[in-house]
Amino acid sequence: MLIIEIKDNESIDKALKRYKRKYQSVGILKKLRDRKHFTKPSVQRRNEIMKAVYKQQKISEMEVD
């Protein structure tokens, strides 16, 4: 559970914005989406490898240009 302390003279909008930022940085929503369906460990590893290969290709393309 995330707790945000509201400072003196701070508007609710700013506090809500801080809460949203903290919520995203912690990664709660991503964890919930990942746990929605079970994925086998082999599939997870395969996806991680595919992401790493994709990132390396993008980096090498940027270096060539």
C-alpha atoms as a PDB file:
ATOM      1  CA  MET A   1       0.000   0.000   0.000  1.00  0.00           C
ATOM      2  CA  LEU A   2       1.400   3.357  -1.010  1.00  0.00           C
ATOM      3  CA  ILE A   3       1.231   6.212   1.436  1.00  0.00           C
ATOM      4  CA  ILE A   4       1.677   9.818   0.403  1.00  0.00           C
ATOM      5  CA  GLU A   5       1.913  12.472   3.086  1.00  0.00           C
ATOM      6  CA  ILE A   6       0.270  15.726   2.083  1.00  0.00           C
ATOM      7  CA  LYS A   7       2.467  18.687   2.929  1.00  0.00           C
ATOM      8  CA  ASP A   8       1.172  21.966   4.340  1.00  0.00           C
ATOM      9  CA  ASN A   9      -0.452  24.208   1.725  1.00  0.00           C
ATOM     10  CA  GLU A  10      -0.217  21.475  -0.916  1.00  0.00           C
ATOM     11  CA  SER A  11      -3.154  21.084  -3.251  1.00  0.00           C
ATOM     12  CA  ILE A  12      -4.874  17.762  -3.712  1.00  0.00           C
ATOM     13  CA  ASP A  13      -3.991  17.809  -7.407  1.00  0.00           C
ATOM     14  CA  LYS A  14      -0.261  17.920  -6.668  1.00  0.00           C
ATOM     15  CA  ALA A  15      -0.571  15.156  -4.087  1.00  0.00           C
ATOM     16  CA  LEU A  16      -2.521  13.022  -6.535  1.00  0.00           C
ATOM     17  CA  LYS A  17       0.109  13.629  -9.209  1.00  0.00           C
ATOM     18  CA  ARG A  18       2.852  12.534  -6.776  1.00  0.00           C
ATOM     19  CA  TYR A  19       0.828   9.436  -5.919  1.00  0.00           C
ATOM     20  CA  LYS A  20       0.433   8.500  -9.580  1.00  0.00           C
ATOM     21  CA  ARG A  21       4.153   8.964 -10.219  1.00  0.00           C
ATOM     22  CA  LYS A  22       5.059   6.814  -7.235  1.00  0.00           C
ATOM     23  CA  TYR A  23       2.507   4.192  -8.301  1.00  0.00           C
ATOM     24  CA  GLN A  24       4.131   3.922 -11.730  1.00  0.00           C
ATOM     25  CA  SER A  25       7.687   3.900 -10.391  1.00  0.00           C
ATOM     26  CA  VAL A  26       6.934   1.033  -8.026  1.00  0.00           C
ATOM     27  CA  GLY A  27       5.441  -0.961 -10.904  1.00  0.00           C
ATOM     28  CA  ILE A  28       2.301  -2.215  -9.194  1.00  0.00           C
ATOM     29  CA  LEU A  29       0.178  -2.105 -12.328  1.00  0.00           C
ATOM     30  CA  LYS A  30       2.782  -4.025 -14.350  1.00  0.00           C
ATOM     31  CA  LYS A  31       2.945  -6.710 -11.669  1.00  0.00           C
ATOM     32  CA  LEU A  32      -0.838  -7.058 -11.672  1.00  0.00           C
ATOM     33  CA  ARG A  33      -0.927  -7.417 -15.449  1.00  0.00           C
ATOM     34  CA  ASP A  34       1.882  -9.983 -15.383  1.00  0.00           C
ATOM     35  CA  ARG A  35       0.111 -12.069 -12.748  1.00  0.00           C
ATOM     36  CA  LYS A  36      -3.221 -11.975 -14.532  1.00  0.00           C
ATOM     37  CA  HIS A  37      -2.288 -15.080 -16.518  1.00  0.00           C
ATOM     38  CA  PHE A  38       0.267 -17.730 -15.703  1.00  0.00           C
ATOM     39  CA  THR A  39       3.192 -17.948 -18.091  1.00  0.00           C
ATOM     40  CA  LYS A  40       5.606 -20.815 -18.036  1.00  0.00           C
ATOM     41  CA  PRO A  41       9.196 -20.036 -17.033  1.00  0.00           C
ATOM     42  CA  SER A  42      10.463 -21.151 -20.441  1.00  0.00           C
ATOM     43  CA  VAL A  43       8.120 -18.687 -22.162  1.00  0.00           C
ATOM     44  CA  GLN A  44       9.230 -15.900 -19.820  1.00  0.00           C
ATOM     45  CA  ARG A  45      12.887 -16.612 -20.611  1.00  0.00           C
ATOM     46  CA  ARG A  46      12.158 -16.680 -24.333  1.00  0.00           C
ATOM     47  CA  ASN A  47      10.367 -13.326 -24.129  1.00  0.00           C
ATOM     48  CA  GLU A  48      13.245 -11.776 -22.177  1.00  0.00           C
ATOM     49  CA  ILE A  49      15.751 -13.018 -24.764  1.00  0.00           C
ATOM     50  CA  MET A  50      13.630 -11.669 -27.610  1.00  0.00           C
ATOM     51  CA  LYS A  51      13.395  -8.265 -25.894  1.00  0.00           C
ATOM     52  CA  ALA A  52      17.168  -8.181 -25.356  1.00  0.00           C
ATOM     53  CA  VAL A  53      17.838  -9.044 -29.009  1.00  0.00           C
ATOM     54  CA  TYR A  54      15.408  -6.352 -30.136  1.00  0.00           C
ATOM     55  CA  LYS A  55      17.077  -3.754 -27.921  1.00  0.00           C
ATOM     56  CA  GLN A  56      20.530  -4.690 -29.217  1.00  0.00           C
ATOM     57  CA  GLN A  57      19.339  -4.395 -32.812  1.00  0.00           C
ATOM     58  CA  LYS A  58      17.898  -0.937 -32.131  1.00  0.00           C
ATOM     59  CA  ILE A  59      21.118   0.186 -30.434  1.00  0.00           C
ATOM     60  CA  SER A  60      23.251  -1.091 -33.316  1.00  0.00           C
ATOM     61  CA  GLU A  61      20.978   0.679 -35.822  1.00  0.00           C
ATOM     62  CA  MET A  62      21.370   3.944 -33.910  1.00  0.00           C
ATOM     63  CA  GLU A  63      25.181   3.568 -33.876  1.00  0.00           C
ATOM     64  CA  VAL A  64      25.323   2.977 -37.640  1.00  0.00           C
ATOM     65  CA  ASP A  65      23.329   6.120 -38.427  1.00  0.00           C
END
